[in-house]
Amino acid sequence: MDLGVQKRMITASIMLATIMQALDTTIANVALPHMQGALNASQEQATWILTSYIVAAAIMTAPVGILAAKLGRKRLFMLSVAGFTIASILCGAATGLIEMVVFRLLQGVFGAALVPLSQSVLLDINPREKHGQAMATWGIGVMLGPILGPTLGGWLTEYYNWRWVFYINVPIGIVALAGMWFFLPETEKTQGRKFDAFGFVLLSLAIGLIQMMLDRGQSQDWFSSTEIIFEGVLGGMALYLFVIHIVTAKEHPFLDPAMFKDRNYAVSLVLMFVVGIILLSSMALLPPFLQSLMGYPVFLTGVVLAPRGVGVMIAMIIVGRLVQKVDPRWLILSGLLLTAFSLYEMSLFTTSMPTSRLVYTGAIQGFGMGFVFVPLSTLAYATLTPHYRNDATAIFSLVRNIGSSVGISVVIALLAINTQINHEEIASTLLPFGNSAGALSAFTAGLEGRHGIAALEMLNGEVTRQAAIISYLNDFVLMMYVVLASVPMLFLLRKRKQEENRHEVIDEIATAIE
């Protein structure tokens, strides 16, 4: 078979798998209220459906490098696609909350390898000068999946059933599996590398316990709860011991600390953490804001969020051509500033704003994120030794997943806390005299003929609604500050020099000869 044709078929197959996995991080968002009722779950419990998937993917992303070395990349890729597809069928058939959370955990476990393996494959099958375009192709799948998830999920939920947000993975998984079977070459297995089980357990405990603390903190009143203190302390200790372990291990640590000495890679991990926070946190906030406060139906919610994906796609196409001609740091800076501007505009949202405002802010944010993702993915590996590629791509995806998981938990917790605080502050000003007398009189004038209790309930409902609006806007402001705070990190990144390019090519040729 012609090598060009084979490369295109490999790219198509692995990108289908990547989009399928990335899509499932948000496709359930707009369907969550429907799932909540069908599964008899509270709003807090329903968020476990989202975070369980992200946490499982985060934990299982870390060992992707060593699993690929032990099993072979093609075998691991196909096993992951098959397992993810079966888990999707189980999610669609779930009848209770516990079943759904367990099956979503399975989805995360099997889907964890798909994104880092696809990145590693694209880097390997493309020459160095094509890595920018390859990362643009990969970025379209990674970024477009989460952004288009609400649109597709809204359409499936509105016209079919929420269960189809999971069943849609079945045909995609089958086609991707067939493409890998026929076109993806196998890599050599590396049996000499030992699996550091102790390091893996420590990292898994750290990720799982810290995420549980963030998920359950609001319902347990945070650090006034023994459970939250226990999870926070134990999770922090596990993370500390993991770092000490990989630094002091004499041979075969779970992660080689030497790869974190590469400045570009280390700084890129921090920036990717920020990308993870913004990408999925905003997508977790917008659907309930539109449906609960603005009265948008589920399908229209998905349609309004679609321009975000259009912005990402346009940005990916443009930046894929610019990344080899323009300093990637300037591209990342442009993307961060556009993202911060979109979040500032979102902090000015009102429930009476036109739909066009939602469309253009979403498009700007998608455009900005697209300008960050591709050059950042390129710079991260620009000076890193190819020997670390499998592990490095796994950790890169792990950090993005952790950022997404932490971001969702934090903004949802702040939303609940600030809604209570704002409710108290607004209610304290509603007096029949003083500055609020006019507004109170205007509101109560429309309640004539109603019983006193009914009138108070309506008034309380409106106060709660206004408190929630302010809380959403506060979350958008916080995310804007997070983006702006990450800008100085760009000064630590450095461009890849031609001399380094030449030496690495020589090293790769020598490795191939050996």
Protein backbone atom coordinates (compact mmCIF):
# COMPACT_ATOMS: atom_id res chain seq x y z
CA MET A 1 0.00 0.00 0.00
CA ASP A 2 1.13 3.54 -0.78
CA LEU A 3 2.70 5.11 2.32
CA GLY A 4 0.75 8.34 1.87
CA VAL A 5 -2.55 6.47 1.77
CA GLN A 6 -1.61 4.38 4.80
CA LYS A 7 -0.66 7.51 6.76
CA ARG A 8 -4.00 9.15 5.94
CA MET A 9 -5.91 6.03 6.98
CA ILE A 10 -3.95 5.79 10.23
CA THR A 11 -4.64 9.46 10.94
CA ALA A 12 -8.36 9.05 10.21
CA SER A 13 -8.64 5.95 12.44
CA ILE A 14 -6.84 7.33 15.46
CA MET A 15 -8.58 10.71 15.18
CA LEU A 16 -11.98 8.97 15.23
CA ALA A 17 -10.95 7.33 18.49
CA THR A 18 -9.63 10.63 19.87
CA ILE A 19 -12.82 12.53 18.99
CA MET A 20 -14.93 9.75 20.50
CA GLN A 21 -13.05 9.95 23.80
CA ALA A 22 -12.89 13.76 23.88
CA LEU A 23 -16.59 14.03 22.99
CA ASP A 24 -17.58 12.07 26.07
CA THR A 25 -16.05 14.60 28.44
CA THR A 26 -18.94 17.02 27.73
CA ILE A 27 -21.59 15.28 25.63
CA ALA A 28 -23.46 14.33 28.81
CA ASN A 29 -23.49 17.91 30.16
CA VAL A 30 -26.69 19.13 28.54
CA ALA A 31 -28.37 15.76 29.11
CA LEU A 32 -27.52 15.84 32.82
CA PRO A 33 -30.92 17.22 34.00
CA HIS A 34 -32.69 14.43 32.08
CA MET A 35 -30.31 11.81 33.43
CA GLN A 36 -30.73 13.22 36.93
CA GLY A 37 -34.47 12.52 36.85
CA ALA A 38 -34.17 9.11 35.19
CA LEU A 39 -31.49 7.94 37.63
CA ASN A 40 -33.15 9.49 40.70
CA ALA A 41 -30.09 11.59 41.59
CA SER A 42 -29.64 15.01 43.17
CA GLN A 43 -27.83 17.81 41.32
CA GLU A 44 -24.64 17.19 43.31
CA GLN A 45 -24.82 13.44 42.73
CA ALA A 46 -25.40 14.01 39.02
CA THR A 47 -22.03 15.78 38.71
CA TRP A 48 -20.39 12.47 39.69
CA ILE A 49 -21.38 11.28 36.20
CA LEU A 50 -19.05 13.93 34.78
CA THR A 51 -16.19 13.85 37.28
CA SER A 52 -16.02 10.04 37.65
CA TYR A 53 -15.15 9.78 33.97
CA ILE A 54 -12.52 12.52 34.18
CA VAL A 55 -10.92 11.16 37.37
CA ALA A 56 -10.69 7.60 36.01
CA ALA A 57 -9.17 8.92 32.79
CA ALA A 58 -6.70 11.02 34.78
CA ILE A 59 -5.56 8.07 36.92
CA MET A 60 -5.18 5.67 34.01
CA THR A 61 -3.45 8.16 31.72
CA ALA A 62 -0.24 8.04 33.78
CA PRO A 63 0.68 4.38 33.03
CA VAL A 64 -0.06 4.62 29.28
CA GLY A 65 3.64 4.85 28.40
CA ILE A 66 4.66 1.69 30.21
CA LEU A 67 1.54 -0.21 29.06
CA ALA A 68 2.35 0.69 25.46
CA ALA A 69 5.89 -0.61 26.00
CA LYS A 70 4.65 -3.88 27.55
CA LEU A 71 1.68 -4.64 25.28
CA GLY A 72 2.67 -2.85 22.10
CA ARG A 73 1.05 0.40 21.00
CA LYS A 74 -1.34 -1.11 18.43
CA ARG A 75 -2.59 -3.79 20.83
CA LEU A 76 -3.14 -1.24 23.63
CA PHE A 77 -4.88 1.15 21.23
CA MET A 78 -7.30 -1.50 19.99
CA LEU A 79 -7.97 -2.83 23.50
CA SER A 80 -8.77 0.70 24.66
CA VAL A 81 -11.17 1.40 21.77
CA ALA A 82 -12.98 -1.92 22.25
CA GLY A 83 -13.29 -1.43 26.03
CA PHE A 84 -14.47 2.17 25.63
CA THR A 85 -17.15 1.13 23.13
CA ILE A 86 -18.47 -1.65 25.39
CA ALA A 87 -18.48 0.70 28.41
CA SER A 88 -20.48 3.21 26.35
CA ILE A 89 -23.14 0.56 25.68
CA LEU A 90 -23.31 -0.17 29.41
CA CYS A 91 -23.69 3.56 30.21
CA GLY A 92 -26.59 3.81 27.79
CA ALA A 93 -28.29 0.85 29.44
CA ALA A 94 -27.75 2.01 33.06
CA THR A 95 -30.85 2.13 35.26
CA GLY A 96 -29.42 3.69 38.45
CA LEU A 97 -26.87 6.24 39.60
CA ILE A 98 -24.40 3.68 40.97
CA GLU A 99 -24.46 1.72 37.72
CA MET A 100 -23.92 4.89 35.70
CA VAL A 101 -20.97 6.05 37.83
CA VAL A 102 -19.33 2.60 37.65
CA PHE A 103 -19.76 2.39 33.87
CA ARG A 104 -18.48 5.94 33.43
CA LEU A 105 -15.43 4.93 35.47
CA LEU A 106 -14.90 2.08 33.02
CA GLN A 107 -15.21 4.52 30.14
CA GLY A 108 -12.51 6.66 31.71
CA VAL A 109 -10.24 3.67 32.35
CA PHE A 110 -10.36 2.45 28.75
CA GLY A 111 -10.47 5.90 27.18
CA ALA A 112 -7.42 7.21 29.05
CA ALA A 113 -4.91 5.86 26.53
CA LEU A 114 -6.65 7.12 23.38
CA VAL A 115 -5.56 10.77 23.43
CA PRO A 116 -1.86 10.31 24.41
CA LEU A 117 -1.44 7.35 22.05
CA SER A 118 -2.96 9.29 19.15
CA GLN A 119 -0.57 12.18 19.81
CA SER A 120 2.40 9.84 20.00
CA VAL A 121 1.44 8.09 16.74
CA LEU A 122 1.01 11.39 14.86
CA LEU A 123 4.38 12.61 16.06
CA ASP A 124 6.01 9.36 14.93
CA ILE A 125 4.46 9.08 11.45
CA ASN A 126 5.17 12.72 10.53
CA PRO A 127 8.59 14.33 9.98
CA ARG A 128 9.74 17.10 12.33
CA GLU A 129 8.78 19.89 9.90
CA LYS A 130 5.20 18.55 9.78
CA HIS A 131 4.73 18.32 13.56
CA GLY A 132 2.91 21.67 13.70
CA GLN A 133 0.30 20.52 11.19
CA ALA A 134 0.10 17.11 12.87
CA MET A 135 -0.59 18.75 16.24
CA ALA A 136 -3.23 20.94 14.57
CA THR A 137 -4.98 17.79 13.32
CA TRP A 138 -4.69 16.18 16.74
CA GLY A 139 -5.82 19.38 18.45
CA ILE A 140 -8.99 19.54 16.36
CA GLY A 141 -10.05 16.19 17.80
CA VAL A 142 -9.02 16.95 21.38
CA MET A 143 -10.54 20.45 21.46
CA LEU A 144 -13.49 20.02 19.11
CA GLY A 145 -14.83 16.94 20.90
CA PRO A 146 -15.51 18.63 24.25
CA ILE A 147 -16.83 21.80 22.60
CA LEU A 148 -19.22 20.11 20.16
CA GLY A 149 -20.30 17.60 22.83
CA PRO A 150 -23.13 19.79 24.21
CA THR A 151 -24.48 20.47 20.70
CA LEU A 152 -24.59 16.80 19.72
CA GLY A 153 -25.78 15.80 23.19
CA GLY A 154 -28.57 18.37 23.06
CA TRP A 155 -29.77 17.18 19.66
CA LEU A 156 -29.73 13.50 20.67
CA THR A 157 -31.50 14.21 23.96
CA GLU A 158 -34.13 16.46 22.38
CA TYR A 159 -35.07 14.21 19.45
CA TYR A 160 -34.18 10.75 20.72
CA ASN A 161 -33.19 10.00 24.31
CA TRP A 162 -30.34 10.86 26.66
CA ARG A 163 -29.12 7.28 26.35
CA TRP A 164 -28.08 7.98 22.77
CA VAL A 165 -25.31 10.30 23.97
CA PHE A 166 -23.54 7.03 24.82
CA TYR A 167 -24.86 4.77 22.05
CA ILE A 168 -23.47 7.17 19.43
CA ASN A 169 -20.00 5.88 20.32
CA VAL A 170 -20.75 2.37 19.04
CA PRO A 171 -20.50 2.98 15.25
CA ILE A 172 -17.55 5.37 15.74
CA GLY A 173 -15.72 2.79 17.84
CA ILE A 174 -16.29 -0.01 15.32
CA VAL A 175 -14.99 2.05 12.39
CA ALA A 176 -11.94 3.23 14.38
CA LEU A 177 -11.18 -0.34 15.50
CA ALA A 178 -11.34 -1.64 11.92
CA GLY A 179 -9.03 1.10 10.67
CA MET A 180 -6.44 0.35 13.36
CA TRP A 181 -6.61 -3.36 12.68
CA PHE A 182 -5.79 -2.94 8.98
CA PHE A 183 -3.48 0.08 8.85
CA LEU A 184 -1.76 0.79 12.18
CA PRO A 185 1.68 -0.88 12.43
CA GLU A 186 2.74 -2.49 15.67
CA THR A 187 5.63 -1.16 17.69
CA GLU A 188 8.20 -3.35 19.38
CA LYS A 189 7.50 -4.43 22.93
CA THR A 190 9.95 -3.41 25.64
CA GLN A 191 9.93 -6.13 28.25
CA GLY A 192 12.94 -4.81 30.16
CA ARG A 193 11.07 -1.89 31.73
CA LYS A 194 9.52 -2.79 35.06
CA PHE A 195 6.18 -1.49 36.23
CA ASP A 196 6.52 0.67 39.34
CA ALA A 197 3.36 -0.46 41.15
CA PHE A 198 4.15 1.51 44.31
CA GLY A 199 4.53 4.76 42.37
CA PHE A 200 1.30 4.10 40.44
CA VAL A 201 -0.66 3.43 43.65
CA LEU A 202 0.64 6.64 45.26
CA LEU A 203 -0.28 8.75 42.22
CA SER A 204 -3.72 7.13 41.94
CA LEU A 205 -4.42 7.75 45.63
CA ALA A 206 -3.36 11.38 45.32
CA ILE A 207 -5.56 12.05 42.29
CA GLY A 208 -8.57 10.11 43.59
CA LEU A 209 -8.57 11.47 47.15
CA ILE A 210 -8.03 15.10 46.16
CA GLN A 211 -10.83 14.83 43.59
CA MET A 212 -13.17 13.28 46.18
CA MET A 213 -12.36 16.15 48.53
CA LEU A 214 -13.26 18.68 45.85
CA ASP A 215 -16.42 16.83 44.79
CA ARG A 216 -17.83 16.28 48.28
CA GLY A 217 -16.48 19.39 49.99
CA GLN A 218 -19.55 21.53 49.44
CA SER A 219 -22.05 18.93 50.68
CA GLN A 220 -19.89 18.12 53.73
CA ASP A 221 -19.22 21.78 54.69
CA TRP A 222 -15.57 21.50 53.68
CA PHE A 223 -12.98 21.36 56.45
CA SER A 224 -15.50 21.23 59.25
CA SER A 225 -15.99 17.63 58.08
CA THR A 226 -13.68 14.83 59.26
CA GLU A 227 -14.10 13.10 55.89
CA ILE A 228 -12.86 16.11 53.91
CA ILE A 229 -9.90 16.64 56.25
CA PHE A 230 -8.99 12.95 55.94
CA GLU A 231 -9.20 13.00 52.12
CA GLY A 232 -7.22 16.24 51.85
CA VAL A 233 -4.43 15.19 54.23
CA LEU A 234 -4.11 11.66 52.83
CA GLY A 235 -4.22 12.90 49.23
CA GLY A 236 -1.55 15.52 49.95
CA MET A 237 0.66 12.94 51.68
CA ALA A 238 0.29 10.53 48.76
CA LEU A 239 1.31 13.24 46.31
CA TYR A 240 4.32 14.20 48.45
CA LEU A 241 5.43 10.57 48.77
CA PHE A 242 5.01 10.06 45.03
CA VAL A 243 7.32 12.98 44.25
CA ILE A 244 9.90 11.76 46.79
CA HIS A 245 9.65 8.22 45.41
CA ILE A 246 10.30 9.06 41.74
CA VAL A 247 13.15 11.41 42.66
CA THR A 248 14.94 8.95 44.95
CA ALA A 249 14.15 5.64 43.20
CA LYS A 250 17.38 3.95 42.09
CA GLU A 251 15.93 2.30 39.00
CA HIS A 252 12.75 2.26 36.91
CA PRO A 253 10.61 4.88 38.72
CA PHE A 254 7.00 5.19 37.56
CA LEU A 255 7.97 8.48 35.84
CA ASP A 256 11.52 9.44 34.96
CA PRO A 257 12.06 12.82 36.69
CA ALA A 258 14.70 13.67 34.05
CA MET A 259 12.03 14.59 31.51
CA PHE A 260 10.71 17.32 33.82
CA LYS A 261 14.13 19.01 33.65
CA ASP A 262 13.24 20.06 30.11
CA ARG A 263 12.05 23.63 30.69
CA ASN A 264 9.71 23.79 27.71
CA TYR A 265 7.97 20.60 28.72
CA ALA A 266 7.62 21.58 32.40
CA VAL A 267 6.23 25.05 31.60
CA SER A 268 3.89 23.58 28.98
CA LEU A 269 2.42 21.27 31.61
CA VAL A 270 1.49 24.29 33.76
CA LEU A 271 -0.11 26.06 30.81
CA MET A 272 -1.95 22.88 29.78
CA PHE A 273 -3.36 22.66 33.31
CA VAL A 274 -4.84 26.14 32.77
CA VAL A 275 -6.24 25.07 29.38
CA GLY A 276 -7.93 22.11 31.08
CA ILE A 277 -9.50 24.37 33.71
CA ILE A 278 -10.95 26.83 31.19
CA LEU A 279 -11.99 24.36 28.50
CA LEU A 280 -14.30 22.16 30.54
CA SER A 281 -15.20 24.46 33.44
CA SER A 282 -16.88 26.95 31.12
CA MET A 283 -18.64 24.08 29.36
CA ALA A 284 -19.89 22.78 32.72
CA LEU A 285 -21.28 26.21 33.68
CA LEU A 286 -22.93 27.37 30.47
CA PRO A 287 -25.55 24.61 29.90
CA PRO A 288 -27.20 24.99 33.37
CA PHE A 289 -26.95 28.80 33.07
CA LEU A 290 -28.78 28.74 29.74
CA GLN A 291 -31.35 26.11 30.69
CA SER A 292 -32.10 27.05 34.31
CA LEU A 293 -31.79 30.84 34.22
CA MET A 294 -32.52 31.76 30.61
CA GLY A 295 -35.07 29.04 29.87
CA TYR A 296 -33.31 27.64 26.80
CA PRO A 297 -34.44 24.15 25.70
CA VAL A 298 -31.77 21.48 25.63
CA PHE A 299 -31.34 21.45 21.84
CA LEU A 300 -31.09 25.24 21.55
CA THR A 301 -28.48 25.18 24.32
CA GLY A 302 -26.34 22.88 22.22
CA VAL A 303 -26.81 25.00 19.09
CA VAL A 304 -25.81 28.20 20.90
CA LEU A 305 -22.63 26.53 22.15
CA ALA A 306 -21.68 25.22 18.68
CA PRO A 307 -19.90 28.42 17.49
CA ARG A 308 -17.25 27.70 20.13
CA GLY A 309 -16.31 24.63 18.08
CA VAL A 310 -16.33 26.63 14.85
CA GLY A 311 -13.88 29.08 16.42
CA VAL A 312 -11.60 26.21 17.47
CA MET A 313 -11.63 24.67 13.99
CA ILE A 314 -10.83 27.96 12.23
CA ALA A 315 -8.04 28.68 14.70
CA MET A 316 -6.57 25.19 14.28
CA ILE A 317 -6.48 25.55 10.49
CA ILE A 318 -4.79 28.95 10.70
CA VAL A 319 -2.31 28.14 13.45
CA GLY A 320 -1.32 24.83 11.83
CA ARG A 321 0.14 26.90 8.97
CA LEU A 322 1.58 29.67 11.14
CA VAL A 323 3.28 27.58 13.83
CA GLN A 324 6.39 26.94 11.66
CA LYS A 325 6.59 30.57 10.48
CA VAL A 326 5.69 32.61 13.57
CA ASP A 327 7.17 32.38 17.05
CA PRO A 328 4.76 29.97 18.83
CA ARG A 329 4.97 32.06 21.99
CA TRP A 330 3.26 34.97 20.23
CA LEU A 331 0.52 32.64 19.05
CA ILE A 332 -0.02 31.35 22.60
CA LEU A 333 -0.09 34.91 23.96
CA SER A 334 -2.70 35.91 21.39
CA GLY A 335 -4.80 32.90 22.32
CA LEU A 336 -4.59 33.56 26.07
CA LEU A 337 -5.58 37.22 25.64
CA LEU A 338 -8.53 36.30 23.41
CA THR A 339 -9.65 33.71 25.95
CA ALA A 340 -9.37 36.22 28.80
CA PHE A 341 -11.37 38.77 26.77
CA SER A 342 -14.13 36.23 26.11
CA LEU A 343 -14.35 35.42 29.83
CA TYR A 344 -14.55 39.14 30.62
CA GLU A 345 -17.45 39.44 28.17
CA MET A 346 -19.10 36.41 29.79
CA SER A 347 -18.80 38.10 33.20
CA LEU A 348 -21.18 40.77 31.84
CA PHE A 349 -23.91 38.27 30.85
CA THR A 350 -27.54 39.01 31.73
CA THR A 351 -30.59 36.80 31.40
CA SER A 352 -32.14 39.26 28.93
CA MET A 353 -29.16 39.39 26.55
CA PRO A 354 -29.62 38.43 22.88
CA THR A 355 -28.47 35.04 21.62
CA SER A 356 -25.92 36.78 19.39
CA ARG A 357 -23.92 37.73 22.50
CA LEU A 358 -23.62 34.08 23.48
CA VAL A 359 -22.59 33.17 19.95
CA TYR A 360 -19.80 35.69 19.53
CA THR A 361 -18.31 35.21 23.02
CA GLY A 362 -18.26 31.46 22.45
CA ALA A 363 -16.64 31.85 19.02
CA ILE A 364 -13.95 34.17 20.44
CA GLN A 365 -13.20 31.76 23.29
CA GLY A 366 -12.95 28.82 20.90
CA PHE A 367 -10.67 30.82 18.61
CA GLY A 368 -8.46 31.77 21.54
CA MET A 369 -8.22 28.23 22.88
CA GLY A 370 -7.34 26.95 19.42
CA PHE A 371 -4.48 29.43 19.22
CA VAL A 372 -3.14 28.19 22.55
CA PHE A 373 -3.46 24.45 22.08
CA VAL A 374 -1.51 23.76 18.88
CA PRO A 375 1.65 25.86 19.49
CA LEU A 376 1.70 24.74 23.13
CA SER A 377 1.54 21.07 22.07
CA THR A 378 4.35 21.74 19.58
CA LEU A 379 6.63 23.62 21.99
CA ALA A 380 6.13 21.03 24.73
CA TYR A 381 8.11 18.44 22.76
CA ALA A 382 10.36 20.83 20.85
CA THR A 383 13.40 20.20 23.05
CA LEU A 384 12.38 16.91 24.70
CA THR A 385 14.32 13.75 23.94
CA PRO A 386 12.17 11.41 21.75
CA HIS A 387 12.93 8.59 24.21
CA TYR A 388 10.41 10.13 26.62
CA ARG A 389 7.65 10.62 24.04
CA ASN A 390 5.19 7.94 25.20
CA ASP A 391 5.45 8.93 28.86
CA ALA A 392 5.50 12.66 28.05
CA THR A 393 2.32 12.56 25.95
CA ALA A 394 0.59 10.57 28.70
CA ILE A 395 1.51 13.11 31.39
CA PHE A 396 0.53 15.96 29.06
CA SER A 397 -2.98 14.50 28.76
CA LEU A 398 -3.02 13.65 32.48
CA VAL A 399 -2.38 17.27 33.44
CA ARG A 400 -5.13 18.47 31.10
CA ASN A 401 -7.56 15.97 32.62
CA ILE A 402 -6.61 16.95 36.17
CA GLY A 403 -7.05 20.62 35.27
CA SER A 404 -10.50 19.86 33.86
CA SER A 405 -11.52 17.80 36.86
CA VAL A 406 -10.25 20.30 39.44
CA GLY A 407 -11.71 23.19 37.47
CA ILE A 408 -15.20 21.69 37.28
CA SER A 409 -15.23 20.83 40.98
CA VAL A 410 -13.99 24.26 42.04
CA VAL A 411 -16.37 26.33 39.91
CA ILE A 412 -19.38 24.19 40.87
CA ALA A 413 -18.45 24.44 44.58
CA LEU A 414 -17.96 28.22 44.32
CA LEU A 415 -21.26 28.49 42.47
CA ALA A 416 -23.10 26.85 45.37
CA ILE A 417 -21.25 28.82 48.07
CA ASN A 418 -21.62 32.19 46.36
CA THR A 419 -25.29 31.57 45.61
CA GLN A 420 -25.96 31.17 49.34
CA ILE A 421 -23.89 34.23 50.21
CA ASN A 422 -25.49 36.37 47.51
CA HIS A 423 -28.96 35.19 48.53
CA GLU A 424 -28.37 36.36 52.10
CA GLU A 425 -26.97 39.71 50.98
CA ILE A 426 -29.82 40.42 48.53
CA ALA A 427 -32.49 39.28 50.99
CA SER A 428 -31.06 41.52 53.71
CA THR A 429 -31.64 44.58 51.50
CA LEU A 430 -35.28 43.77 50.71
CA LEU A 431 -36.93 46.04 53.26
CA PRO A 432 -40.17 48.05 52.91
CA PHE A 433 -38.13 51.21 53.40
CA GLY A 434 -34.73 52.56 52.32
CA ASN A 435 -33.08 52.22 48.91
CA SER A 436 -34.81 48.97 47.97
CA ALA A 437 -38.34 50.14 48.76
CA GLY A 438 -39.13 51.09 45.16
CA ALA A 439 -37.94 47.82 43.66
CA LEU A 440 -39.74 45.80 46.33
CA SER A 441 -42.99 47.70 45.78
CA ALA A 442 -42.74 47.18 42.03
CA PHE A 443 -42.28 43.46 42.45
CA THR A 444 -45.04 42.97 45.04
CA ALA A 445 -47.45 45.02 42.93
CA GLY A 446 -47.58 42.15 40.48
CA LEU A 447 -48.54 39.70 43.23
CA GLU A 448 -51.99 41.18 44.02
CA GLY A 449 -54.58 38.59 44.78
CA ARG A 450 -52.06 35.97 45.84
CA HIS A 451 -51.80 34.54 49.33
CA GLY A 452 -48.97 35.83 51.48
CA ILE A 453 -47.04 32.53 51.50
CA ALA A 454 -47.25 32.17 47.72
CA ALA A 455 -46.06 35.75 47.28
CA LEU A 456 -43.10 35.16 49.59
CA GLU A 457 -42.20 31.96 47.75
CA MET A 458 -42.15 33.81 44.44
CA LEU A 459 -40.06 36.58 45.95
CA ASN A 460 -37.62 34.05 47.41
CA GLY A 461 -37.41 32.30 44.04
CA GLU A 462 -36.48 35.53 42.30
CA VAL A 463 -33.86 36.33 44.95
CA THR A 464 -32.36 32.86 44.48
CA ARG A 465 -32.34 33.37 40.71
CA GLN A 466 -30.53 36.71 40.97
CA ALA A 467 -28.06 35.26 43.49
CA ALA A 468 -27.30 32.40 41.08
CA ILE A 469 -26.74 34.81 38.17
CA ILE A 470 -24.18 36.79 40.19
CA SER A 471 -22.45 33.54 41.20
CA TYR A 472 -22.10 32.39 37.60
CA LEU A 473 -20.57 35.75 36.66
CA ASN A 474 -18.15 35.49 39.59
CA ASP A 475 -16.95 32.14 38.26
CA PHE A 476 -16.30 33.66 34.83
CA VAL A 477 -14.28 36.46 36.44
CA LEU A 478 -12.21 33.93 38.40
CA MET A 479 -11.39 31.98 35.24
CA MET A 480 -10.38 35.22 33.50
CA TYR A 481 -7.89 35.92 36.29
CA VAL A 482 -6.53 32.37 36.05
CA VAL A 483 -5.83 32.88 32.34
CA LEU A 484 -4.16 36.26 32.87
CA ALA A 485 -2.05 34.86 35.73
CA SER A 486 -0.63 32.23 33.36
CA VAL A 487 0.64 34.77 30.80
CA PRO A 488 4.02 35.39 32.52
CA MET A 489 4.81 31.68 32.11
CA LEU A 490 5.33 32.35 28.40
CA PHE A 491 8.61 34.12 29.16
CA LEU A 492 10.02 30.78 30.37
CA LEU A 493 9.39 29.02 27.06
CA ARG A 494 12.07 29.03 24.40
CA LYS A 495 12.02 28.40 20.68
CA ARG A 496 13.64 25.34 19.22
CA LYS A 497 17.01 26.23 17.72
CA GLN A 498 18.20 24.88 14.39
CA GLU A 499 21.30 23.48 16.07
CA GLU A 500 19.11 21.43 18.40
CA ASN A 501 17.08 20.24 15.42
CA ARG A 502 20.21 19.00 13.66
CA HIS A 503 21.57 17.19 16.71
CA GLU A 504 18.25 15.50 17.40
CA VAL A 505 17.92 14.31 13.81
CA ILE A 506 21.39 12.79 14.10
CA ASP A 507 20.40 11.12 17.39
CA GLU A 508 17.20 9.71 15.85
CA ILE A 509 19.13 8.33 12.85
CA ALA A 510 21.68 6.74 15.18
CA THR A 511 18.90 5.19 17.25
CA ALA A 512 17.24 3.81 14.12
CA ILE A 513 20.56 2.28 12.92
CA GLU A 514 21.10 0.62 16.30
